[in-house]
Amino acid sequence: MKVKDIMTSSVRTVSSDKKLGEVVSLMCVYRFSGIPVVDDGKLVGNVSESDVLGRMFPKLEDLMSSMSTVDYDEQMQQYSNVVSLTVRDIMVPTVITVRPDMHILQAASVMVGRKFRRIPVAEDDKLLGMVSMGDVHKAIFQTTVATKL
């Protein structure tokens, strides 16, 4: 079975110049943990909840050099600064993708190796869809177990 057989083709994307506040609204309302970034029809990055929340915390080097404790309530106030940025400011520009003609278990092994729960499906920088571990698991279940029940 191929990735193209199980992927979701209708994928919400954002552009790199989009205000992060709008993007985190989408993440919160639709419960997206990440959204592909597409400019001029090309997949150019990914922005995730981890990217957003990671900007709120001090760097380990800063903590080590100051030997101070973290005021987490103060750190939460950084959120308004973070959401005023653009997607370009925090997105991960290197996108790991899978091909639509890839076997679903090969795609799953890429996701497991990278500790991803979902991965973009692309060809030549063109986003075609997304596939998740849940999609792979459901497909395997339906083809091996569900038919025998």
Protein backbone atom coordinates (compact mmCIF):
# COMPACT_ATOMS: atom_id res chain seq x y z
CA MET A 1 0.00 0.00 0.00
CA LYS A 2 1.28 3.45 -0.94
CA VAL A 3 1.21 6.76 0.93
CA LYS A 4 -1.04 8.26 -1.77
CA ASP A 5 -3.68 5.66 -0.88
CA ILE A 6 -4.04 6.84 2.72
CA MET A 7 -2.85 10.46 2.84
CA THR A 8 -5.09 13.43 3.52
CA SER A 9 -5.04 15.64 0.43
CA SER A 10 -6.97 18.56 1.87
CA VAL A 11 -4.33 20.21 4.03
CA ARG A 12 -4.52 23.62 5.66
CA THR A 13 -1.36 25.62 4.99
CA VAL A 14 -0.04 29.07 5.87
CA SER A 15 2.34 31.45 4.14
CA SER A 16 5.61 32.50 5.72
CA ASP A 17 4.51 36.14 5.95
CA LYS A 18 1.39 35.29 7.99
CA LYS A 19 1.22 36.74 11.50
CA LEU A 20 1.85 34.03 14.06
CA GLY A 21 -1.19 35.14 16.07
CA GLU A 22 -3.46 33.99 13.23
CA VAL A 23 -1.64 30.69 12.96
CA VAL A 24 -1.81 29.87 16.66
CA SER A 25 -5.54 30.62 16.47
CA LEU A 26 -5.85 27.90 13.83
CA MET A 27 -3.76 25.55 15.95
CA CYS A 28 -5.92 26.10 19.01
CA VAL A 29 -9.32 26.04 17.28
CA TYR A 30 -8.64 23.06 15.02
CA ARG A 31 -6.22 21.29 17.36
CA PHE A 32 -3.40 21.26 14.81
CA SER A 33 -0.01 20.51 16.30
CA GLY A 34 1.71 21.84 13.19
CA ILE A 35 0.95 23.44 9.84
CA PRO A 36 2.95 23.29 6.59
CA VAL A 37 4.25 26.60 5.26
CA VAL A 38 3.72 27.14 1.53
CA ASP A 39 4.88 30.16 -0.50
CA ASP A 40 4.16 30.48 -4.22
CA GLY A 41 2.99 26.87 -4.37
CA LYS A 42 6.22 25.53 -2.83
CA LEU A 43 6.58 23.81 0.53
CA VAL A 44 9.11 26.00 2.35
CA GLY A 45 8.78 25.00 5.99
CA ASN A 46 6.69 23.86 8.88
CA VAL A 47 5.50 25.66 12.00
CA SER A 48 4.52 23.72 15.10
CA GLU A 49 3.27 24.25 18.60
CA SER A 50 6.74 23.31 19.81
CA ASP A 51 8.25 26.10 17.71
CA VAL A 52 5.82 28.62 19.22
CA LEU A 53 6.09 27.51 22.83
CA GLY A 54 9.84 26.95 22.58
CA ARG A 55 10.30 30.67 21.94
CA MET A 56 8.92 31.44 25.40
CA PHE A 57 11.70 29.74 27.33
CA PRO A 58 15.23 30.91 28.04
CA LYS A 59 18.04 29.09 26.30
CA LEU A 60 19.91 26.52 28.37
CA GLU A 61 23.14 28.51 28.00
CA ASP A 62 21.43 31.57 29.50
CA LEU A 63 20.19 29.55 32.45
CA MET A 64 23.61 28.03 33.05
CA SER A 65 25.43 31.36 32.91
CA SER A 66 23.06 33.23 35.18
CA MET A 67 22.49 30.35 37.61
CA SER A 68 19.05 31.80 38.23
CA THR A 69 15.69 30.17 38.50
CA VAL A 70 12.97 30.55 35.91
CA ASP A 71 9.89 32.59 36.73
CA TYR A 72 7.37 30.63 34.69
CA ASP A 73 4.61 33.20 35.17
CA GLU A 74 6.94 35.80 33.68
CA GLN A 75 7.80 33.43 30.84
CA MET A 76 4.10 33.08 30.00
CA GLN A 77 4.02 36.83 29.40
CA GLN A 78 6.48 36.25 26.53
CA TYR A 79 3.65 34.61 24.59
CA SER A 80 2.28 37.95 23.40
CA ASN A 81 5.73 38.82 22.04
CA VAL A 82 5.96 35.48 20.26
CA VAL A 83 2.55 35.70 18.58
CA SER A 84 3.41 39.14 17.20
CA LEU A 85 6.12 37.54 15.03
CA THR A 86 5.58 36.12 11.55
CA VAL A 87 5.66 32.46 10.63
CA ARG A 88 8.99 33.07 8.85
CA ASP A 89 10.54 34.14 12.17
CA ILE A 90 10.03 30.77 13.84
CA MET A 91 9.29 28.15 11.18
CA VAL A 92 11.60 25.23 10.55
CA PRO A 93 12.76 25.82 6.97
CA THR A 94 14.05 22.31 6.34
CA VAL A 95 11.11 20.02 5.73
CA ILE A 96 11.39 16.26 5.85
CA THR A 97 8.81 14.78 3.48
CA VAL A 98 7.72 11.45 2.08
CA ARG A 99 6.76 10.70 -1.51
CA PRO A 100 3.25 9.64 -2.53
CA ASP A 101 4.58 6.44 -4.15
CA MET A 102 6.42 5.39 -0.96
CA HIS A 103 5.22 2.27 0.87
CA ILE A 104 3.28 3.20 4.01
CA LEU A 105 5.64 1.26 6.27
CA GLN A 106 8.62 3.08 4.81
CA ALA A 107 6.85 6.38 5.57
CA ALA A 108 6.10 5.13 9.09
CA SER A 109 9.76 4.27 9.60
CA VAL A 110 10.72 7.84 8.61
CA MET A 111 8.19 9.19 11.12
CA VAL A 112 9.36 6.86 13.89
CA GLY A 113 13.02 7.67 13.21
CA ARG A 114 12.32 11.42 13.36
CA LYS A 115 9.78 11.15 16.22
CA PHE A 116 7.07 12.70 14.02
CA ARG A 117 3.35 12.00 14.39
CA ARG A 118 2.64 13.38 10.92
CA ILE A 119 4.66 14.20 7.84
CA PRO A 120 4.05 16.14 4.62
CA VAL A 121 3.69 14.25 1.36
CA ALA A 122 5.45 16.13 -1.43
CA GLU A 123 7.03 15.90 -4.86
CA ASP A 124 9.46 18.54 -6.11
CA ASP A 125 8.64 20.95 -3.25
CA LYS A 126 4.91 20.72 -4.06
CA LEU A 127 2.78 19.74 -1.09
CA LEU A 128 0.36 16.97 -2.03
CA GLY A 129 -0.96 16.01 1.38
CA MET A 130 -0.18 14.82 4.87
CA VAL A 131 0.05 11.36 6.34
CA SER A 132 -0.04 10.54 10.03
CA MET A 133 0.87 7.58 12.17
CA GLY A 134 -2.86 7.17 12.75
CA ASP A 135 -3.44 6.93 8.99
CA VAL A 136 -0.80 4.20 8.71
CA HIS A 137 -2.10 2.31 11.72
CA LYS A 138 -5.71 2.45 10.48
CA ALA A 139 -4.68 1.22 7.01
CA ILE A 140 -2.73 -1.72 8.43
CA PHE A 141 -5.58 -2.63 10.76
CA GLN A 142 -8.17 -2.48 7.97
CA THR A 143 -6.15 -4.62 5.59
CA THR A 144 -4.93 -7.25 8.05
CA VAL A 145 -7.32 -7.52 11.00
CA ALA A 146 -10.68 -5.91 10.21
CA THR A 147 -11.29 -8.21 7.25
CA LYS A 148 -10.96 -11.25 9.54
CA LEU A 149 -13.37 -10.03 12.23
